[in-house]
Amino acid sequence: MAAISLYFGKIPTELDPEQVQDYLFYQQKKSKTPSQTYFKHCVYGLRFLLKSEGLPYEYLRLPSIKHEKKLPVVLSKEEVWAMLQSAKLLKHKILIGLYH
C-alpha cells in the first residue's frame, strides 16, 4: 500500500482506476518469483482499503488473481520405509506410519 502511494505521491483512494491498473500491471510484469506474492498482497491491501472506505471493489477494477494448481508430493513405499527406519523416537515412527 505504501509503495503505490509513494509511486504516485498520493493515497490510493485518490487515484483513478487507470493509474491503479497501470501500477498493478507493472507489479505483475516484474520478475516472476518474488513479485507474484507482492502483487497478491498489493491487490488484497487495495481490496481491504476499499472495503474499509465503503467503496465497491469495482471502483478500481482490481484484476482477479490466478491460483496455481499443484499436485501433492507422494512418497514411494521405499521412501516411507527409509524414513521409518531413520526415525529415533516412537512418536515420530507413528506419525510417519500414519502418513503412509
PDB file of N, CA and C in Angstrom:
ATOM      1  N   MET A   1       0.827  -1.183   0.000  1.00  0.00           N
ATOM      2  CA  MET A   1       0.000   0.000   0.000  1.00  0.00           C
ATOM      3  C   MET A   1       0.871   1.246   0.000  1.00  0.00           C
ATOM      4  N   ALA A   2       1.924   1.238   0.796  1.00  0.00           N
ATOM      5  CA  ALA A   2       2.805   2.398   0.856  1.00  0.00           C
ATOM      6  C   ALA A   2       3.526   2.585  -0.473  1.00  0.00           C
ATOM      7  N   ALA A   3       3.855   1.479  -1.132  1.00  0.00           N
ATOM      8  CA  ALA A   3       4.593   1.568  -2.392  1.00  0.00           C
ATOM      9  C   ALA A   3       3.780   2.293  -3.471  1.00  0.00           C
ATOM     10  N   ILE A   4       2.506   1.983  -3.565  1.00  0.00           N
ATOM     11  CA  ILE A   4       1.676   2.643  -4.572  1.00  0.00           C
ATOM     12  C   ILE A   4       1.485   4.123  -4.226  1.00  0.00           C
ATOM     13  N   SER A   5       1.404   4.428  -2.933  1.00  0.00           N
ATOM     14  CA  SER A   5       1.284   5.823  -2.511  1.00  0.00           C
ATOM     15  C   SER A   5       2.557   6.597  -2.835  1.00  0.00           C
ATOM     16  N   LEU A   6       3.700   5.977  -2.575  1.00  0.00           N
ATOM     17  CA  LEU A   6       4.972   6.633  -2.904  1.00  0.00           C
ATOM     18  C   LEU A   6       5.159   6.756  -4.410  1.00  0.00           C
ATOM     19  N   TYR A   7       4.720   5.757  -5.149  1.00  0.00           N
ATOM     20  CA  TYR A   7       4.870   5.750  -6.603  1.00  0.00           C
ATOM     21  C   TYR A   7       4.130   6.928  -7.237  1.00  0.00           C
ATOM     22  N   PHE A   8       2.915   7.216  -6.746  1.00  0.00           N
ATOM     23  CA  PHE A   8       2.116   8.297  -7.324  1.00  0.00           C
ATOM     24  C   PHE A   8       2.123   9.582  -6.501  1.00  0.00           C
ATOM     25  N   GLY A   9       2.572   9.499  -5.248  1.00  0.00           N
ATOM     26  CA  GLY A   9       2.598  10.696  -4.407  1.00  0.00           C
ATOM     27  C   GLY A   9       1.251  11.078  -3.828  1.00  0.00           C
ATOM     28  N   LYS A  10       0.322  10.115  -3.756  1.00  0.00           N
ATOM     29  CA  LYS A  10      -0.980  10.353  -3.131  1.00  0.00           C
ATOM     30  C   LYS A  10      -1.554   9.027  -2.660  1.00  0.00           C
ATOM     31  N   ILE A  11      -2.604   9.104  -1.823  1.00  0.00           N
ATOM     32  CA  ILE A  11      -3.175   7.874  -1.283  1.00  0.00           C
ATOM     33  C   ILE A  11      -3.980   7.148  -2.374  1.00  0.00           C
ATOM     34  N   PRO A  12      -4.080   5.810  -2.267  1.00  0.00           N
ATOM     35  CA  PRO A  12      -4.744   5.037  -3.318  1.00  0.00           C
ATOM     36  C   PRO A  12      -6.185   5.434  -3.611  1.00  0.00           C
ATOM     37  N   THR A  13      -6.939   5.919  -2.616  1.00  0.00           N
ATOM     38  CA  THR A  13      -8.336   6.296  -2.874  1.00  0.00           C
ATOM     39  C   THR A  13      -8.428   7.557  -3.726  1.00  0.00           C
ATOM     40  N   GLU A  14      -7.330   8.304  -3.866  1.00  0.00           N
ATOM     41  CA  GLU A  14      -7.310   9.498  -4.718  1.00  0.00           C
ATOM     42  C   GLU A  14      -6.884   9.172  -6.151  1.00  0.00           C
ATOM     43  N   LEU A  15      -6.486   7.949  -6.411  1.00  0.00           N
ATOM     44  CA  LEU A  15      -6.035   7.556  -7.742  1.00  0.00           C
ATOM     45  C   LEU A  15      -7.225   7.195  -8.617  1.00  0.00           C
ATOM     46  N   ASP A  16      -7.078   7.438  -9.906  1.00  0.00           N
ATOM     47  CA  ASP A  16      -8.130   6.994 -10.806  1.00  0.00           C
ATOM     48  C   ASP A  16      -7.865   5.536 -11.179  1.00  0.00           C
ATOM     49  N   PRO A  17      -8.885   4.823 -11.644  1.00  0.00           N
ATOM     50  CA  PRO A  17      -8.729   3.394 -11.925  1.00  0.00           C
ATOM     51  C   PRO A  17      -7.608   3.071 -12.907  1.00  0.00           C
ATOM     52  N   GLU A  18      -7.363   3.922 -13.885  1.00  0.00           N
ATOM     53  CA  GLU A  18      -6.312   3.650 -14.863  1.00  0.00           C
ATOM     54  C   GLU A  18      -4.931   3.666 -14.206  1.00  0.00           C
ATOM     55  N   GLN A  19      -4.717   4.579 -13.263  1.00  0.00           N
ATOM     56  CA  GLN A  19      -3.434   4.629 -12.569  1.00  0.00           C
ATOM     57  C   GLN A  19      -3.202   3.353 -11.766  1.00  0.00           C
ATOM     58  N   VAL A  20      -4.235   2.896 -11.085  1.00  0.00           N
ATOM     59  CA  VAL A  20      -4.101   1.675 -10.289  1.00  0.00           C
ATOM     60  C   VAL A  20      -3.858   0.482 -11.204  1.00  0.00           C
ATOM     61  N   GLN A  21      -4.595   0.406 -12.304  1.00  0.00           N
ATOM     62  CA  GLN A  21      -4.403  -0.691 -13.253  1.00  0.00           C
ATOM     63  C   GLN A  21      -2.982  -0.681 -13.813  1.00  0.00           C
ATOM     64  N   ASP A  22      -2.464   0.499 -14.136  1.00  0.00           N
ATOM     65  CA  ASP A  22      -1.089   0.603 -14.641  1.00  0.00           C
ATOM     66  C   ASP A  22      -0.089   0.116 -13.606  1.00  0.00           C
ATOM     67  N   TYR A  23      -0.297   0.496 -12.346  1.00  0.00           N
ATOM     68  CA  TYR A  23       0.615   0.087 -11.284  1.00  0.00           C
ATOM     69  C   TYR A  23       0.556  -1.425 -11.074  1.00  0.00           C
ATOM     70  N   LEU A  24      -0.659  -1.988 -11.057  1.00  0.00           N
ATOM     71  CA  LEU A  24      -0.795  -3.432 -10.873  1.00  0.00           C
ATOM     72  C   LEU A  24      -0.198  -4.192 -12.056  1.00  0.00           C
ATOM     73  N   PHE A  25      -0.376  -3.679 -13.261  1.00  0.00           N
ATOM     74  CA  PHE A  25       0.224  -4.298 -14.440  1.00  0.00           C
ATOM     75  C   PHE A  25       1.740  -4.275 -14.327  1.00  0.00           C
ATOM     76  N   TYR A  26       2.281  -3.146 -13.881  1.00  0.00           N
ATOM     77  CA  TYR A  26       3.724  -3.006 -13.689  1.00  0.00           C
ATOM     78  C   TYR A  26       4.215  -4.021 -12.653  1.00  0.00           C
ATOM     79  N   GLN A  27       3.504  -4.167 -11.545  1.00  0.00           N
ATOM     80  CA  GLN A  27       3.897  -5.103 -10.500  1.00  0.00           C
ATOM     81  C   GLN A  27       3.825  -6.548 -10.990  1.00  0.00           C
ATOM     82  N   GLN A  28       2.800  -6.862 -11.763  1.00  0.00           N
ATOM     83  CA  GLN A  28       2.614  -8.226 -12.232  1.00  0.00           C
ATOM     84  C   GLN A  28       3.673  -8.614 -13.253  1.00  0.00           C
ATOM     85  N   LYS A  29       4.170  -7.653 -14.025  1.00  0.00           N
ATOM     86  CA  LYS A  29       5.134  -7.954 -15.080  1.00  0.00           C
ATOM     87  C   LYS A  29       6.576  -7.922 -14.597  1.00  0.00           C
ATOM     88  N   LYS A  30       6.806  -7.482 -13.350  1.00  0.00           N
ATOM     89  CA  LYS A  30       8.162  -7.511 -12.803  1.00  0.00           C
ATOM     90  C   LYS A  30       8.610  -8.955 -12.682  1.00  0.00           C
ATOM     91  N   SER A  31       9.824  -9.170 -12.234  1.00  0.00           N
ATOM     92  CA  SER A  31      10.351 -10.527 -12.129  1.00  0.00           C
ATOM     93  C   SER A  31       9.337 -11.460 -11.475  1.00  0.00           C
ATOM     94  N   LYS A  32       9.155 -12.628 -12.027  1.00  0.00           N
ATOM     95  CA  LYS A  32       8.038 -13.509 -11.690  1.00  0.00           C
ATOM     96  C   LYS A  32       8.051 -14.042 -10.257  1.00  0.00           C
ATOM     97  N   THR A  33       9.174 -14.506  -9.761  1.00  0.00           N
ATOM     98  CA  THR A  33       9.131 -15.238  -8.499  1.00  0.00           C
ATOM     99  C   THR A  33       8.743 -14.405  -7.289  1.00  0.00           C
ATOM    100  N   PRO A  34       9.492 -13.373  -6.881  1.00  0.00           N
ATOM    101  CA  PRO A  34       9.055 -12.685  -5.662  1.00  0.00           C
ATOM    102  C   PRO A  34       7.875 -11.753  -5.889  1.00  0.00           C
ATOM    103  N   SER A  35       7.721 -11.237  -7.098  1.00  0.00           N
ATOM    104  CA  SER A  35       6.708 -10.209  -7.293  1.00  0.00           C
ATOM    105  C   SER A  35       5.294 -10.766  -7.355  1.00  0.00           C
ATOM    106  N   GLN A  36       5.110 -12.047  -7.660  1.00  0.00           N
ATOM    107  CA  GLN A  36       3.749 -12.594  -7.669  1.00  0.00           C
ATOM    108  C   GLN A  36       3.145 -12.528  -6.270  1.00  0.00           C
ATOM    109  N   THR A  37       3.946 -12.848  -5.269  1.00  0.00           N
ATOM    110  CA  THR A  37       3.469 -12.751  -3.899  1.00  0.00           C
ATOM    111  C   THR A  37       3.216 -11.296  -3.533  1.00  0.00           C
ATOM    112  N   TYR A  38       4.139 -10.419  -3.907  1.00  0.00           N
ATOM    113  CA  TYR A  38       3.974  -8.995  -3.627  1.00  0.00           C
ATOM    114  C   TYR A  38       2.724  -8.472  -4.335  1.00  0.00           C
ATOM    115  N   PHE A  39       2.516  -8.894  -5.573  1.00  0.00           N
ATOM    116  CA  PHE A  39       1.358  -8.464  -6.349  1.00  0.00           C
ATOM    117  C   PHE A  39       0.063  -8.880  -5.650  1.00  0.00           C
ATOM    118  N   LYS A  40       0.016 -10.125  -5.174  1.00  0.00           N
ATOM    119  CA  LYS A  40      -1.178 -10.599  -4.477  1.00  0.00           C
ATOM    120  C   LYS A  40      -1.446  -9.767  -3.230  1.00  0.00           C
ATOM    121  N   HIS A  41      -0.396  -9.482  -2.465  1.00  0.00           N
ATOM    122  CA  HIS A  41      -0.572  -8.687  -1.250  1.00  0.00           C
ATOM    123  C   HIS A  41      -1.004  -7.263  -1.586  1.00  0.00           C
ATOM    124  N   CYS A  42      -0.511  -6.728  -2.682  1.00  0.00           N
ATOM    125  CA  CYS A  42      -0.903  -5.387  -3.116  1.00  0.00           C
ATOM    126  C   CYS A  42      -2.401  -5.357  -3.451  1.00  0.00           C
ATOM    127  N   VAL A  43      -2.870  -6.348  -4.188  1.00  0.00           N
ATOM    128  CA  VAL A  43      -4.289  -6.421  -4.551  1.00  0.00           C
ATOM    129  C   VAL A  43      -5.147  -6.597  -3.304  1.00  0.00           C
ATOM    130  N   TYR A  44      -4.735  -7.502  -2.404  1.00  0.00           N
ATOM    131  CA  TYR A  44      -5.507  -7.719  -1.180  1.00  0.00           C
ATOM    132  C   TYR A  44      -5.537  -6.462  -0.315  1.00  0.00           C
ATOM    133  N   GLY A  45      -4.412  -5.742  -0.263  1.00  0.00           N
ATOM    134  CA  GLY A  45      -4.365  -4.495   0.503  1.00  0.00           C
ATOM    135  C   GLY A  45      -5.300  -3.452  -0.068  1.00  0.00           C
ATOM    136  N   LEU A  46      -5.334  -3.338  -1.400  1.00  0.00           N
ATOM    137  CA  LEU A  46      -6.241  -2.383  -2.039  1.00  0.00           C
ATOM    138  C   LEU A  46      -7.701  -2.767  -1.791  1.00  0.00           C
ATOM    139  N   ARG A  47      -7.984  -4.068  -1.843  1.00  0.00           N
ATOM    140  CA  ARG A  47      -9.353  -4.514  -1.570  1.00  0.00           C
ATOM    141  C   ARG A  47      -9.761  -4.185  -0.145  1.00  0.00           C
ATOM    142  N   PHE A  48      -8.847  -4.391   0.816  1.00  0.00           N
ATOM    143  CA  PHE A  48      -9.147  -4.063   2.208  1.00  0.00           C
ATOM    144  C   PHE A  48      -9.382  -2.566   2.368  1.00  0.00           C
ATOM    145  N   LEU A  49      -8.557  -1.755   1.717  1.00  0.00           N
ATOM    146  CA  LEU A  49      -8.715  -0.304   1.791  1.00  0.00           C
ATOM    147  C   LEU A  49     -10.076   0.113   1.247  1.00  0.00           C
ATOM    148  N   LEU A  50     -10.454  -0.432   0.102  1.00  0.00           N
ATOM    149  CA  LEU A  50     -11.748  -0.098  -0.490  1.00  0.00           C
ATOM    150  C   LEU A  50     -12.889  -0.507   0.436  1.00  0.00           C
ATOM    151  N   LYS A  51     -12.780  -1.698   1.037  1.00  0.00           N
ATOM    152  CA  LYS A  51     -13.829  -2.165   1.936  1.00  0.00           C
ATOM    153  C   LYS A  51     -13.930  -1.254   3.153  1.00  0.00           C
ATOM    154  N   SER A  52     -12.780  -0.862   3.713  1.00  0.00           N
ATOM    155  CA  SER A  52     -12.807  -0.009   4.911  1.00  0.00           C
ATOM    156  C   SER A  52     -13.297   1.406   4.601  1.00  0.00           C
ATOM    157  N   GLU A  53     -13.144   1.849   3.359  1.00  0.00           N
ATOM    158  CA  GLU A  53     -13.631   3.176   2.952  1.00  0.00           C
ATOM    159  C   GLU A  53     -15.078   3.121   2.455  1.00  0.00           C
ATOM    160  N   GLY A  54     -15.654   1.928   2.410  1.00  0.00           N
ATOM    161  CA  GLY A  54     -17.030   1.780   1.952  1.00  0.00           C
ATOM    162  C   GLY A  54     -17.180   1.915   0.447  1.00  0.00           C
ATOM    163  N   LEU A  55     -16.091   1.697  -0.290  1.00  0.00           N
ATOM    164  CA  LEU A  55     -16.126   1.779  -1.756  1.00  0.00           C
ATOM    165  C   LEU A  55     -16.258   0.372  -2.327  1.00  0.00           C
ATOM    166  N   PRO A  56     -16.955   0.232  -3.457  1.00  0.00           N
ATOM    167  CA  PRO A  56     -17.074  -1.107  -4.060  1.00  0.00           C
ATOM    168  C   PRO A  56     -15.743  -1.539  -4.664  1.00  0.00           C
ATOM    169  N   TYR A  57     -15.539  -2.835  -4.730  1.00  0.00           N
ATOM    170  CA  TYR A  57     -14.305  -3.373  -5.319  1.00  0.00           C
ATOM    171  C   TYR A  57     -14.143  -2.944  -6.774  1.00  0.00           C
ATOM    172  N   GLU A  58     -15.246  -2.788  -7.472  1.00  0.00           N
ATOM    173  CA  GLU A  58     -15.194  -2.423  -8.885  1.00  0.00           C
ATOM    174  C   GLU A  58     -14.687  -0.995  -9.094  1.00  0.00           C
ATOM    175  N   TYR A  59     -14.638  -0.210  -8.026  1.00  0.00           N
ATOM    176  CA  TYR A  59     -14.165   1.170  -8.118  1.00  0.00           C
ATOM    177  C   TYR A  59     -12.793   1.236  -8.789  1.00  0.00           C
ATOM    178  N   LEU A  60     -11.943   0.267  -8.496  1.00  0.00           N
ATOM    179  CA  LEU A  60     -10.614   0.238  -9.099  1.00  0.00           C
ATOM    180  C   LEU A  60     -10.454  -0.916 -10.083  1.00  0.00           C
ATOM    181  N   ARG A  61     -11.505  -1.635 -10.333  1.00  0.00           N
ATOM    182  CA  ARG A  61     -11.470  -2.769 -11.255  1.00  0.00           C
ATOM    183  C   ARG A  61     -10.241  -3.642 -11.017  1.00  0.00           C
ATOM    184  N   LEU A  62     -10.135  -4.156  -9.825  1.00  0.00           N
ATOM    185  CA  LEU A  62      -8.991  -4.986  -9.481  1.00  0.00           C
ATOM    186  C   LEU A  62      -9.031  -6.293 -10.259  1.00  0.00           C
ATOM    187  N   PRO A  63      -7.893  -6.735 -10.767  1.00  0.00           N
ATOM    188  CA  PRO A  63      -7.872  -7.996 -11.525  1.00  0.00           C
ATOM    189  C   PRO A  63      -8.018  -9.187 -10.588  1.00  0.00           C
ATOM    190  N   SER A  64      -8.545 -10.272 -11.117  1.00  0.00           N
ATOM    191  CA  SER A  64      -8.611 -11.488 -10.306  1.00  0.00           C
ATOM    192  C   SER A  64      -7.219 -12.110 -10.267  1.00  0.00           C
ATOM    193  N   ILE A  65      -6.979 -12.872  -9.226  1.00  0.00           N
ATOM    194  CA  ILE A  65      -5.676 -13.495  -9.045  1.00  0.00           C
ATOM    195  C   ILE A  65      -5.802 -14.971  -9.373  1.00  0.00           C
ATOM    196  N   LYS A  66      -4.935 -15.450 -10.260  1.00  0.00           N
ATOM    197  CA  LYS A  66      -4.943 -16.854 -10.620  1.00  0.00           C
ATOM    198  C   LYS A  66      -4.311 -17.665  -9.493  1.00  0.00           C
ATOM    199  N   HIS A  67      -4.951 -18.763  -9.148  1.00  0.00           N
ATOM    200  CA  HIS A  67      -4.403 -19.660  -8.146  1.00  0.00           C
ATOM    201  C   HIS A  67      -3.780 -20.846  -8.866  1.00  0.00           C
ATOM    202  N   GLU A  68      -2.524 -21.102  -8.553  1.00  0.00           N
ATOM    203  CA  GLU A  68      -1.839 -22.217  -9.176  1.00  0.00           C
ATOM    204  C   GLU A  68      -2.341 -23.530  -8.590  1.00  0.00           C
ATOM    205  N   LYS A  69      -2.541 -24.489  -9.458  1.00  0.00           N
ATOM    206  CA  LYS A  69      -2.958 -25.810  -9.018  1.00  0.00           C
ATOM    207  C   LYS A  69      -1.727 -26.701  -9.012  1.00  0.00           C
ATOM    208  N   LYS A  70      -1.398 -27.213  -7.826  1.00  0.00           N
ATOM    209  CA  LYS A  70      -0.225 -28.062  -7.688  1.00  0.00           C
ATOM    210  C   LYS A  70      -0.656 -29.432  -7.186  1.00  0.00           C
ATOM    211  N   LEU A  71      -0.030 -30.451  -7.732  1.00  0.00           N
ATOM    212  CA  LEU A  71      -0.287 -31.800  -7.262  1.00  0.00           C
ATOM    213  C   LEU A  71       0.520 -32.045  -5.990  1.00  0.00           C
ATOM    214  N   PRO A  72      -0.025 -32.827  -5.066  1.00  0.00           N
ATOM    215  CA  PRO A  72       0.730 -33.114  -3.842  1.00  0.00           C
ATOM    216  C   PRO A  72       1.910 -34.033  -4.137  1.00  0.00           C
ATOM    217  N   VAL A  73       2.922 -33.953  -3.295  1.00  0.00           N
ATOM    218  CA  VAL A  73       4.081 -34.836  -3.406  1.00  0.00           C
ATOM    219  C   VAL A  73       3.736 -36.141  -2.714  1.00  0.00           C
ATOM    220  N   VAL A  74       3.898 -37.235  -3.427  1.00  0.00           N
ATOM    221  CA  VAL A  74       3.601 -38.550  -2.879  1.00  0.00           C
ATOM    222  C   VAL A  74       4.909 -39.328  -2.762  1.00  0.00           C
ATOM    223  N   LEU A  75       5.170 -39.820  -1.568  1.00  0.00           N
ATOM    224  CA  LEU A  75       6.384 -40.601  -1.349  1.00  0.00           C
ATOM    225  C   LEU A  75       6.159 -42.049  -1.751  1.00  0.00           C
ATOM    226  N   SER A  76       7.218 -42.672  -2.239  1.00  0.00           N
ATOM    227  CA  SER A  76       7.134 -44.094  -2.567  1.00  0.00           C
ATOM    228  C   SER A  76       7.192 -44.910  -1.280  1.00  0.00           C
ATOM    229  N   LYS A  77       6.872 -46.189  -1.373  1.00  0.00           N
ATOM    230  CA  LYS A  77       6.932 -47.064  -0.197  1.00  0.00           C
ATOM    231  C   LYS A  77       8.357 -47.141   0.336  1.00  0.00           C
ATOM    232  N   GLU A  78       9.318 -47.138  -0.579  1.00  0.00           N
ATOM    233  CA  GLU A  78      10.720 -47.212  -0.166  1.00  0.00           C
ATOM    234  C   GLU A  78      11.128 -45.954   0.609  1.00  0.00           C
ATOM    235  N   GLU A  79      10.659 -44.801   0.174  1.00  0.00           N
ATOM    236  CA  GLU A  79      10.977 -43.548   0.878  1.00  0.00           C
ATOM    237  C   GLU A  79      10.352 -43.519   2.264  1.00  0.00           C
ATOM    238  N   VAL A  80       9.114 -43.990   2.368  1.00  0.00           N
ATOM    239  CA  VAL A  80       8.444 -44.030   3.671  1.00  0.00           C
ATOM    240  C   VAL A  80       9.163 -45.020   4.581  1.00  0.00           C
ATOM    241  N   TRP A  81       9.539 -46.186   4.038  1.00  0.00           N
ATOM    242  CA  TRP A  81      10.247 -47.188   4.828  1.00  0.00           C
ATOM    243  C   TRP A  81      11.589 -46.636   5.322  1.00  0.00           C
ATOM    244  N   ALA A  82      12.306 -45.920   4.475  1.00  0.00           N
ATOM    245  CA  ALA A  82      13.588 -45.327   4.872  1.00  0.00           C
ATOM    246  C   ALA A  82      13.372 -44.291   5.982  1.00  0.00           C
ATOM    247  N   MET A  83      12.312 -43.531   5.894  1.00  0.00           N
ATOM    248  CA  MET A  83      12.013 -42.555   6.946  1.00  0.00           C
ATOM    249  C   MET A  83      11.671 -43.255   8.258  1.00  0.00           C
ATOM    250  N   LEU A  84      10.903 -44.345   8.176  1.00  0.00           N
ATOM    251  CA  LEU A  84      10.549 -45.100   9.379  1.00  0.00           C
ATOM    252  C   LEU A  84      11.794 -45.658  10.067  1.00  0.00           C
ATOM    253  N   GLN A  85      12.712 -46.161   9.274  1.00  0.00           N
ATOM    254  CA  GLN A  85      13.919 -46.755   9.840  1.00  0.00           C
ATOM    255  C   GLN A  85      14.868 -45.707  10.406  1.00  0.00           C
ATOM    256  N   SER A  86      14.830 -44.498   9.864  1.00  0.00           N
ATOM    257  CA  SER A  86      15.738 -43.460  10.357  1.00  0.00           C
ATOM    258  C   SER A  86      15.172 -42.706  11.568  1.00  0.00           C
ATOM    259  N   ALA A  87      13.881 -42.835  11.810  1.00  0.00           N
ATOM    260  CA  ALA A  87      13.268 -42.144  12.952  1.00  0.00           C
ATOM    261  C   ALA A  87      13.730 -42.796  14.252  1.00  0.00           C
ATOM    262  N   LYS A  88      14.091 -41.974  15.216  1.00  0.00           N
ATOM    263  CA  LYS A  88      14.592 -42.477  16.501  1.00  0.00           C
ATOM    264  C   LYS A  88      13.472 -42.665  17.531  1.00  0.00           C
ATOM    265  N   LEU A  89      12.559 -41.710  17.591  1.00  0.00           N
ATOM    266  CA  LEU A  89      11.504 -41.740  18.603  1.00  0.00           C
ATOM    267  C   LEU A  89      10.271 -42.480  18.090  1.00  0.00           C
ATOM    268  N   LEU A  90       9.600 -43.163  18.991  1.00  0.00           N
ATOM    269  CA  LEU A  90       8.398 -43.920  18.643  1.00  0.00           C
ATOM    270  C   LEU A  90       7.304 -43.013  18.082  1.00  0.00           C
ATOM    271  N   LYS A  91       7.148 -41.826  18.692  1.00  0.00           N
ATOM    272  CA  LYS A  91       6.092 -40.921  18.208  1.00  0.00           C
ATOM    273  C   LYS A  91       6.353 -40.480  16.768  1.00  0.00           C
ATOM    274  N   HIS A  92       7.628 -40.342  16.394  1.00  0.00           N
ATOM    275  CA  HIS A  92       7.945 -39.979  15.005  1.00  0.00           C
ATOM    276  C   HIS A  92       7.629 -41.136  14.065  1.00  0.00           C
ATOM    277  N   LYS A  93       7.930 -42.367  14.510  1.00  0.00           N
ATOM    278  CA  LYS A  93       7.623 -43.537  13.690  1.00  0.00           C
ATOM    279  C   LYS A  93       6.113 -43.678  13.482  1.00  0.00           C
ATOM    280  N   ILE A  94       5.358 -43.393  14.535  1.00  0.00           N
ATOM    281  CA  ILE A  94       3.900 -43.477  14.441  1.00  0.00           C
ATOM    282  C   ILE A  94       3.383 -42.433  13.450  1.00  0.00           C
ATOM    283  N   LEU A  95       3.877 -41.205  13.547  1.00  0.00           N
ATOM    284  CA  LEU A  95       3.433 -40.144  12.630  1.00  0.00           C
ATOM    285  C   LEU A  95       3.782 -40.481  11.187  1.00  0.00           C
ATOM    286  N   ILE A  96       4.981 -40.975  10.963  1.00  0.00           N
ATOM    287  CA  ILE A  96       5.390 -41.368   9.600  1.00  0.00           C
ATOM    288  C   ILE A  96       4.523 -42.523   9.113  1.00  0.00           C
ATOM    289  N   GLY A  97       4.259 -43.501  10.001  1.00  0.00           N
ATOM    290  CA  GLY A  97       3.409 -44.623   9.631  1.00  0.00           C
ATOM    291  C   GLY A  97       1.993 -44.213   9.281  1.00  0.00           C
ATOM    292  N   LEU A  98       1.469 -43.211   9.990  1.00  0.00           N
ATOM    293  CA  LEU A  98       0.126 -42.710   9.688  1.00  0.00           C
ATOM    294  C   LEU A  98       0.083 -41.990   8.347  1.00  0.00           C
ATOM    295  N   TYR A  99       1.198 -41.385   7.967  1.00  0.00           N
ATOM    296  CA  TYR A  99       1.254 -40.666   6.679  1.00  0.00           C
ATOM    297  C   TYR A  99       1.034 -41.634   5.543  1.00  0.00           C
ATOM    298  N   HIS A 100       1.617 -42.802   5.645  1.00  0.00           N
ATOM    299  CA  HIS A 100       1.535 -43.763   4.560  1.00  0.00           C
ATOM    300  C   HIS A 100       0.274 -44.552   4.755  1.00  0.00           C
TER     301      HIS A 100
END
